[in-house]
Protein backbone atom coordinates (compact mmCIF):
# COMPACT_ATOMS: atom_id res chain seq x y z
CA MET A 1 124.58 127.06 65.03
CA ARG A 2 126.08 125.04 62.21
CA PHE A 3 125.79 121.84 64.24
CA LEU A 4 122.17 122.64 65.11
CA LEU A 5 121.27 123.19 61.46
CA LEU A 6 122.99 119.95 60.47
CA THR A 7 121.08 118.01 63.12
CA LEU A 8 117.73 119.51 62.03
CA LEU A 9 118.44 118.61 58.41
CA VAL A 10 119.27 115.04 59.35
CA LEU A 11 116.08 114.71 61.39
CA ALA A 12 113.92 116.27 58.68
CA PHE A 13 115.47 114.38 55.76
CA PRO A 14 116.86 111.08 57.04
CA PRO A 15 119.07 109.29 54.51
CA ARG A 16 117.51 106.46 52.55
CA PRO A 17 118.60 102.95 53.59
CA SER A 18 120.07 102.35 50.14
CA LEU A 19 122.24 105.43 50.50
CA ALA A 20 123.71 104.95 53.94
CA GLN A 21 126.00 107.79 54.93
CA GLN A 22 128.62 106.42 57.27
CA PRO A 23 130.86 108.72 59.29
CA SER A 24 134.10 109.52 57.53
CA ALA A 25 137.40 110.66 58.94
CA ASP A 26 137.04 113.37 61.60
CA GLU A 27 133.30 113.76 60.87
CA LYS A 28 131.24 114.93 63.81
CA LEU A 29 128.67 112.39 64.94
CA SER A 30 125.65 113.05 67.14
CA LEU A 31 123.66 110.36 68.90
CA GLN A 32 120.76 110.76 66.49
CA GLN A 33 123.07 110.44 63.50
CA ALA A 34 124.66 107.35 65.02
CA ARG A 35 121.24 105.74 65.39
CA LEU A 36 120.33 106.50 61.77
CA VAL A 37 123.59 105.06 60.44
CA ALA A 38 123.28 101.94 62.60
CA GLU A 39 119.77 101.26 61.28
CA GLN A 40 121.01 101.42 57.70
CA VAL A 41 123.90 98.97 58.15
CA SER A 42 122.54 96.60 60.81
CA PRO A 43 122.49 92.93 59.71
CA GLU A 44 120.02 92.18 62.50
CA LEU A 45 117.52 94.65 61.04
CA ALA A 46 118.14 93.28 57.55
CA SER A 47 117.35 89.80 58.86
CA ALA A 48 114.19 91.03 60.61
CA ARG A 49 113.01 92.79 57.45
CA ALA A 50 113.55 89.62 55.44
CA ALA A 51 111.56 87.68 58.05
CA VAL A 52 108.68 90.14 57.58
CA ARG A 53 108.76 89.66 53.80
CA ALA A 54 108.77 85.89 54.26
CA ALA A 55 105.79 86.14 56.63
CA GLU A 56 103.96 88.29 54.07
CA GLY A 57 104.44 85.57 51.48
CA ARG A 58 103.20 82.86 53.85
CA ALA A 59 100.16 84.98 54.76
CA ARG A 60 99.31 85.41 51.08
CA GLN A 61 99.79 81.71 50.45
CA ALA A 62 97.68 80.68 53.43
CA GLY A 63 94.55 82.15 51.83
CA ALA A 64 94.91 80.12 48.63
CA PHE A 65 92.33 77.43 47.83
CA PRO A 66 93.50 73.87 47.17
CA ASN A 67 94.26 73.29 43.50
CA PRO A 68 91.90 71.09 41.50
CA VAL A 69 93.25 67.90 39.94
CA ALA A 70 92.65 67.07 36.30
CA SER A 71 92.76 63.39 35.38
CA TYR A 72 92.40 61.25 32.29
CA SER A 73 91.83 57.50 32.31
CA ARG A 74 91.23 54.91 29.59
CA GLU A 75 89.96 51.39 29.91
CA GLN A 76 90.13 48.94 27.02
CA THR A 77 89.12 45.29 27.01
CA SER A 78 88.98 42.78 24.21
CA GLY A 79 87.94 39.16 23.73
CA ASN A 80 86.15 36.89 21.29
CA GLY A 81 86.88 39.43 18.60
CA LEU A 82 85.20 42.25 20.50
CA ASP A 83 86.86 45.51 21.64
CA VAL A 84 85.34 47.71 24.36
CA SER A 85 86.93 51.01 25.50
CA GLN A 86 86.17 53.86 27.86
CA ASP A 87 87.76 57.35 28.00
CA ILE A 88 87.14 59.49 31.06
CA ILE A 89 88.27 63.07 31.61
CA ALA A 90 87.56 64.34 35.13
CA LEU A 91 88.27 67.31 37.40
CA GLU A 92 88.64 66.77 41.15
CA GLN A 93 88.32 69.50 43.78
CA PRO A 94 89.05 69.01 47.53
CA LEU A 95 86.48 70.77 49.75
CA GLU A 96 87.75 71.97 53.15
CA LEU A 97 84.63 72.02 55.28
CA GLY A 98 86.26 72.26 58.71
CA GLY A 99 87.39 75.89 58.52
CA GLN A 100 90.99 74.87 57.81
CA ARG A 101 91.62 77.63 55.29
CA GLY A 102 90.33 80.35 57.61
CA ALA A 103 92.42 79.04 60.50
CA ARG A 104 95.53 78.91 58.32
CA ARG A 105 94.91 82.45 57.17
CA ASP A 106 94.35 83.73 60.72
CA ALA A 107 97.53 82.05 61.96
CA ALA A 108 99.58 83.43 59.07
CA LYS A 109 98.26 86.97 59.55
CA LEU A 110 99.04 86.86 63.26
CA LEU A 111 102.51 85.51 62.56
CA LEU A 112 103.04 88.36 60.11
CA ALA A 113 102.00 90.85 62.79
CA ALA A 114 104.40 89.11 65.18
CA LYS A 115 107.29 89.42 62.70
CA GLU A 116 106.50 93.10 62.24
CA ALA A 117 106.61 93.53 66.01
CA ARG A 118 109.89 91.60 66.10
CA LEU A 119 111.26 94.05 63.55
CA ALA A 120 110.20 96.94 65.79
CA ALA A 121 111.81 95.15 68.74
CA ALA A 122 115.05 94.69 66.79
CA ARG A 123 115.04 98.39 65.89
CA SER A 124 114.40 99.32 69.53
CA GLN A 125 117.17 97.00 70.73
CA LEU A 126 119.58 98.47 68.19
CA ALA A 127 118.75 102.01 69.32
CA PHE A 128 119.45 100.93 72.90
CA GLN A 129 122.77 99.35 71.95
CA VAL A 130 123.88 102.42 70.00
CA THR A 131 122.84 104.77 72.81
CA ARG A 132 124.67 102.70 75.39
CA ALA A 133 127.78 102.43 73.23
CA TYR A 134 127.69 106.16 72.49
CA ALA A 135 127.28 107.11 76.16
CA GLU A 136 130.05 104.74 77.23
CA ALA A 137 132.34 106.12 74.53
CA VAL A 138 131.66 109.70 75.69
CA ALA A 139 132.40 108.68 79.28
CA ALA A 140 135.54 106.81 78.20
CA ASP A 141 136.74 109.88 76.30
CA ARG A 142 136.23 111.98 79.43
CA HIS A 143 138.03 109.44 81.62
CA ALA A 144 140.96 109.34 79.21
CA THR A 145 141.17 113.14 79.09
CA LEU A 146 141.07 113.42 82.89
CA SER A 147 143.69 110.69 83.27
CA ASP A 148 145.96 112.44 80.77
CA GLN A 149 145.60 115.72 82.63
CA ALA A 150 146.24 114.12 86.02
CA ALA A 151 149.22 112.17 84.73
CA GLN A 152 150.71 115.36 83.29
CA VAL A 153 150.17 117.19 86.58
CA PHE A 154 151.79 114.44 88.61
CA GLY A 155 154.61 114.12 86.10
CA GLU A 156 155.30 117.84 86.40
CA ALA A 157 155.00 117.56 90.17
CA GLY A 158 157.66 114.87 90.13
CA ARG A 159 160.05 117.12 88.23
CA VAL A 160 159.40 120.05 90.59
CA GLY A 161 159.69 117.75 93.59
CA ARG A 162 163.15 116.60 92.55
CA GLU A 163 164.29 120.20 92.26
CA ARG A 164 162.83 121.14 95.66
CA LEU A 165 164.23 118.01 97.28
CA ALA A 166 167.67 118.99 96.05
CA ALA A 167 167.08 122.48 97.46
CA GLY A 168 165.85 121.07 100.79
CA ASP A 169 162.36 122.54 100.46
CA ILE A 170 160.50 119.19 100.80
CA SER A 171 161.15 115.94 102.60
CA GLY A 172 162.09 112.61 101.06
CA TYR A 173 158.66 111.28 102.09
CA GLU A 174 156.91 113.92 100.02
CA GLN A 175 159.08 113.12 97.04
CA ARG A 176 158.42 109.37 97.33
CA ARG A 177 154.69 110.06 97.68
CA THR A 178 154.82 112.19 94.54
CA ARG A 179 156.60 109.44 92.57
CA LEU A 180 154.06 106.87 93.75
CA GLU A 181 151.12 109.04 92.68
CA ALA A 182 152.78 109.70 89.33
CA ALA A 183 153.21 105.94 88.74
CA ARG A 184 149.61 105.26 89.78
CA TYR A 185 148.22 107.85 87.40
CA ALA A 186 150.42 106.62 84.59
CA ALA A 187 148.80 103.21 85.06
CA LEU A 188 145.35 104.82 85.22
CA ARG A 189 146.07 106.66 81.99
CA ALA A 190 146.99 103.41 80.24
CA GLU A 191 143.86 101.73 81.63
CA ALA A 192 141.67 104.63 80.53
CA GLY A 193 143.20 104.49 77.06
CA LEU A 194 142.35 100.81 76.72
CA ALA A 195 138.80 101.42 77.97
CA ARG A 196 138.42 104.28 75.50
CA ALA A 197 139.62 102.13 72.60
CA LYS A 198 137.22 99.34 73.58
CA ALA A 199 134.22 101.68 73.90
CA ARG A 200 134.92 103.34 70.57
CA ARG A 201 135.47 99.98 68.89
CA THR A 202 132.06 98.80 70.13
CA LEU A 203 130.38 101.92 68.74
CA ALA A 204 132.27 101.71 65.44
CA THR A 205 131.19 98.08 65.00
CA LEU A 206 127.53 99.12 65.20
CA LEU A 207 128.13 101.80 62.56
CA SER A 208 130.16 99.72 60.12
CA ALA A 209 128.88 98.20 56.91
CA PRO A 210 130.53 94.92 55.77
CA ASP A 211 132.38 96.70 52.97
CA HIS A 212 132.95 100.00 54.78
CA PRO A 213 134.38 99.64 58.32
CA VAL A 214 134.40 102.74 60.50
CA GLN A 215 137.70 103.67 62.15
CA PRO A 216 137.02 104.03 65.92
CA GLN A 217 139.75 106.58 66.54
CA LEU A 218 138.36 108.96 63.91
CA LEU A 219 134.91 109.35 65.45
CA VAL A 220 134.21 112.83 66.79
CA LEU A 221 131.36 112.51 69.29
CA THR A 222 129.45 115.77 69.69
CA ASP A 223 126.74 114.90 72.24
CA THR A 224 127.30 114.86 75.98
CA VAL A 225 124.15 112.65 76.22
CA THR A 226 122.64 114.43 79.18
CA SER A 227 118.98 113.59 79.84
CA ASP A 228 115.98 115.66 80.84
CA THR A 229 113.23 114.79 83.28
CA LEU A 230 111.09 111.84 82.26
CA PRO A 231 107.71 112.86 80.82
CA PHE A 232 105.79 110.14 82.72
CA GLY A 233 105.63 108.64 86.18
CA VAL A 234 106.52 105.03 86.87
CA ASP A 235 102.93 103.74 86.80
CA SER A 236 102.31 105.37 83.42
CA LEU A 237 105.56 103.93 82.11
CA VAL A 238 104.52 100.46 83.26
CA MET A 239 101.19 100.79 81.46
CA LEU A 240 102.91 102.00 78.31
CA ALA A 241 105.39 99.14 78.42
CA LEU A 242 102.66 96.52 78.83
CA ALA A 243 100.80 98.00 75.87
CA ARG A 244 103.66 99.02 73.56
CA ARG A 245 106.82 97.02 74.27
CA PRO A 246 107.58 95.58 70.81
CA ASP A 247 108.74 92.12 71.86
CA LEU A 248 105.78 91.82 74.24
CA VAL A 249 103.44 92.77 71.38
CA ALA A 250 105.18 90.15 69.25
CA LEU A 251 104.66 87.52 71.92
CA GLU A 252 100.96 88.39 72.15
CA ARG A 253 100.63 87.97 68.37
CA GLU A 254 102.43 84.64 68.57
CA VAL A 255 99.97 83.50 71.24
CA GLY A 256 97.10 84.32 68.88
CA ALA A 257 98.86 82.50 66.04
CA ALA A 258 99.38 79.42 68.22
CA GLN A 259 95.69 79.43 69.16
CA ALA A 260 94.77 79.68 65.46
CA GLU A 261 97.09 76.75 64.70
CA ALA A 262 95.33 74.76 67.44
CA ARG A 263 92.00 75.51 65.73
CA LEU A 264 93.54 74.39 62.46
CA ALA A 265 94.69 71.12 64.01
CA ARG A 266 91.18 70.48 65.34
CA GLY A 267 89.67 71.39 61.97
CA GLU A 268 91.95 68.94 60.19
CA ARG A 269 90.29 66.11 62.12
CA ILE A 270 87.26 66.71 59.92
CA PRO A 271 87.70 64.69 56.71
CA THR A 272 88.20 66.75 53.57
CA PRO A 273 85.93 65.34 50.85
CA THR A 274 86.83 65.48 47.18
CA LEU A 275 84.20 66.17 44.55
CA ALA A 276 84.92 65.03 41.01
CA GLY A 277 83.04 65.44 37.75
CA GLY A 278 83.93 64.83 34.14
CA TYR A 279 83.18 63.58 30.65
CA LYS A 280 83.01 59.92 29.58
CA ARG A 281 83.04 58.29 26.14
CA GLU A 282 82.43 54.56 25.73
CA LYS A 283 82.78 52.47 22.60
CA ALA A 284 81.32 48.96 22.26
CA PRO A 285 80.64 46.65 19.27
CA GLY A 286 77.09 46.90 18.02
CA VAL A 287 76.47 50.00 20.06
CA GLY A 288 78.93 52.49 18.69
CA SER A 289 80.09 55.49 20.70
CA LEU A 290 78.24 56.59 23.80
CA ASP A 291 78.88 59.93 25.55
CA GLY A 292 78.00 60.89 29.11
CA PHE A 293 79.29 62.40 32.34
CA THR A 294 80.72 61.12 35.60
CA ALA A 295 80.30 62.38 39.16
CA GLN A 296 82.15 61.17 42.22
CA LEU A 297 82.36 62.10 45.88
CA SER A 298 85.18 60.61 47.96
CA VAL A 299 85.55 61.05 51.72
CA PRO A 300 88.64 59.94 53.71
CA ILE A 301 87.85 57.59 56.58
CA PRO A 302 89.68 58.62 59.78
CA LEU A 303 90.39 55.05 60.75
CA TRP A 304 94.14 54.98 61.41
CA ASN A 305 95.02 58.66 61.74
CA ARG A 306 92.66 60.81 63.77
CA GLN A 307 95.09 63.72 64.32
CA GLY A 308 94.87 63.31 68.09
CA GLY A 309 98.60 63.87 68.63
CA ALA A 310 98.68 66.93 66.38
CA VAL A 311 95.75 68.50 68.27
CA GLN A 312 97.39 67.80 71.63
CA ALA A 313 100.70 69.30 70.50
CA ALA A 314 99.08 72.42 69.05
CA GLU A 315 96.95 73.06 72.14
CA ALA A 316 99.94 72.54 74.45
CA GLU A 317 102.02 74.91 72.34
CA ALA A 318 99.32 77.58 72.62
CA GLU A 319 99.24 77.11 76.41
CA ARG A 320 103.05 77.35 76.58
CA ARG A 321 103.13 80.60 74.66
CA GLN A 322 100.36 82.04 76.80
CA ALA A 323 102.30 81.17 79.96
CA ASP A 324 105.42 82.78 78.44
CA GLN A 325 103.38 85.89 77.75
CA ILE A 326 102.20 86.14 81.37
CA ALA A 327 105.77 85.66 82.64
CA PHE A 328 107.09 88.24 80.19
CA ARG A 329 104.50 90.81 81.30
CA ARG A 330 105.63 90.30 84.89
CA SER A 331 109.29 90.70 84.02
CA THR A 332 108.49 93.78 81.93
CA GLU A 333 106.83 95.52 84.86
CA LEU A 334 109.79 94.64 87.08
CA GLU A 335 112.31 95.92 84.50
CA VAL A 336 110.46 99.21 84.09
CA ARG A 337 110.30 99.85 87.83
CA GLU A 338 113.97 98.96 88.31
CA ALA A 339 115.07 101.15 85.41
CA TYR A 340 112.91 104.03 86.66
CA ASP A 341 114.28 103.77 90.21
CA GLY A 342 117.83 103.59 88.87
CA TYR A 343 117.24 106.57 86.61
CA GLN A 344 115.81 108.71 89.40
CA ALA A 345 118.57 107.72 91.84
CA LEU A 346 121.26 108.52 89.30
CA ALA A 347 119.59 111.84 88.50
CA ALA A 348 119.76 112.79 92.19
CA GLN A 349 123.41 111.73 92.40
CA LEU A 350 124.29 113.69 89.26
CA ALA A 351 122.56 116.80 90.58
CA ALA A 352 124.38 116.60 93.90
CA LEU A 353 127.78 115.74 92.44
CA GLY A 354 127.44 118.26 89.63
CA GLY A 355 126.72 121.00 92.15
CA ARG A 356 129.74 120.04 94.24
CA ILE A 357 131.98 120.02 91.16
CA GLN A 358 130.76 123.46 90.08
CA GLU A 359 130.82 125.01 93.55
CA ASP A 360 133.71 123.22 95.25
CA ALA A 361 135.86 121.00 93.05
CA ARG A 362 136.70 123.30 90.14
CA PRO A 363 137.20 126.46 92.24
CA GLY A 364 139.06 124.35 94.79
CA ILE A 365 141.55 122.99 92.27
CA ARG A 366 142.22 126.47 90.95
CA SER A 367 142.74 127.79 94.51
CA ALA A 368 145.05 124.90 95.36
CA GLN A 369 147.13 125.53 92.26
CA ALA A 370 147.39 129.24 93.04
CA ALA A 371 148.27 128.56 96.68
CA TYR A 372 150.92 126.06 95.67
CA ARG A 373 152.50 128.49 93.22
CA GLU A 374 152.63 131.12 95.96
CA GLY A 375 154.05 128.68 98.48
CA GLU A 376 151.01 128.80 100.78
CA THR A 377 150.33 125.06 100.60
CA SER A 378 152.43 121.93 100.46
CA LEU A 379 153.01 119.77 97.44
CA ILE A 380 151.08 116.88 98.95
CA GLU A 381 148.05 119.09 99.62
CA TRP A 382 148.09 120.24 96.04
CA LEU A 383 148.36 116.69 94.72
CA ASP A 384 145.52 115.58 96.99
CA ALA A 385 143.36 118.36 95.56
CA VAL A 386 144.21 117.26 92.03
CA ARG A 387 143.33 113.66 92.83
CA ALA A 388 140.02 114.63 94.46
CA PHE A 389 139.09 116.71 91.43
CA HIS A 390 139.98 113.86 89.05
CA GLU A 391 137.95 111.32 90.99
CA ALA A 392 134.92 113.62 91.22
CA GLU A 393 134.95 114.42 87.49
CA SER A 394 135.52 110.76 86.60
CA SER A 395 132.64 109.62 88.82
CA PHE A 396 130.39 112.24 87.26
CA ALA A 397 131.19 110.96 83.75
CA SER A 398 130.45 107.36 84.78
CA LEU A 399 127.18 108.31 86.46
CA ALA A 400 126.11 110.34 83.42
CA ALA A 401 126.74 107.37 81.14
CA GLU A 402 124.78 105.01 83.38
CA HIS A 403 122.00 107.60 83.65
CA THR A 404 121.74 107.62 79.85
CA VAL A 405 121.72 103.82 79.72
CA GLN A 406 118.81 103.68 82.17
CA ARG A 407 116.87 106.19 80.06
CA ALA A 408 117.62 104.12 76.95
CA THR A 409 116.36 101.05 78.82
CA LEU A 410 113.06 102.80 79.54
CA GLU A 411 112.85 103.83 75.90
CA ARG A 412 113.36 100.22 74.79
CA LEU A 413 110.79 98.90 77.24
CA THR A 414 108.04 101.44 76.55
CA GLY A 415 108.47 102.07 72.83
CA LEU A 416 108.67 105.82 73.49
CA THR A 417 111.22 108.20 71.96
CA LEU A 418 113.12 109.62 74.92
CA PHE A 419 116.14 111.12 73.14
């Protein structure tokens, strides 16, 4: 009950990013809590957020009008004792008549939307990585526990075997077989310990802030990460992925931005005229001071640079991104179907194996132990039962972890919340 209340509080009042609560020594950590902590300390998410802020600034800047130019000029001539001067103060304003400003603004807004989608994709990818690391750490813990138990059983069997060999109750073959199994499980225990340390180190890395590393061995993982039935069929999941997958949405926005940039490149082929107007004062002998105004219209002549290469590059870039989008949609559909098939197949395997463990393996190991204690079965039969139980439980843990990874893959592809 205490754990349930803690989880509900965390879900209802998630910690603020500026006040990241990292797991401390021996603190229990659920999958949901691990995801929250990882979001707060992730440098990838910090980078994606900064990219969004930069895109916001560029979008705001793209809508700005060109600045006017203020100028002052003076002309003075003299000769034959005469002095003539002119003072001109003018203001020049470029006039974009080819829709350049609108195209720049459209491209910047679409790029901002793309960066926001990239941020969502980074968050989705991080959730997938944390879920996978968490599930693999849970499975590694289970493997290590099972290996420890089996190694202890075989170690004890070796001691009993030596006593029975001395008493003539078992053969030398049985004793050698027992020693071999004990050595094999000692190696498996060491291997499982290394795998456990690696899995926990991967999870701890995702939860560590630069100035506050998490100690992998202190994590207390509370979730078994078992999954329920998927709420949608494969066709619905494919449709959701094509509509909601964050990095696919980002690619679609980038296609629109590239098309807007192509329109901008075509618009820049239209000369941008500059309109100028100002005040003029002229002084001449015998005339005095004359005041007036000036007006000027200047238009660039596209003689040497007609922007043909820029237009070609922009249009080709838009076509490239559109082709990438089509390819990515195809790969997305394939990934969803593969993940769904894998998830369903693993669910069937887990159901079958879980039933056998509950009905056969666990009662069987208890019966074998009781029969061995009462002398109704041989040592080798007992050890075979122990090994079969260990392998069944270990396979179940591995399948459960992979089952969770496939569900996390579907979550990442569809943008749904499946945990």
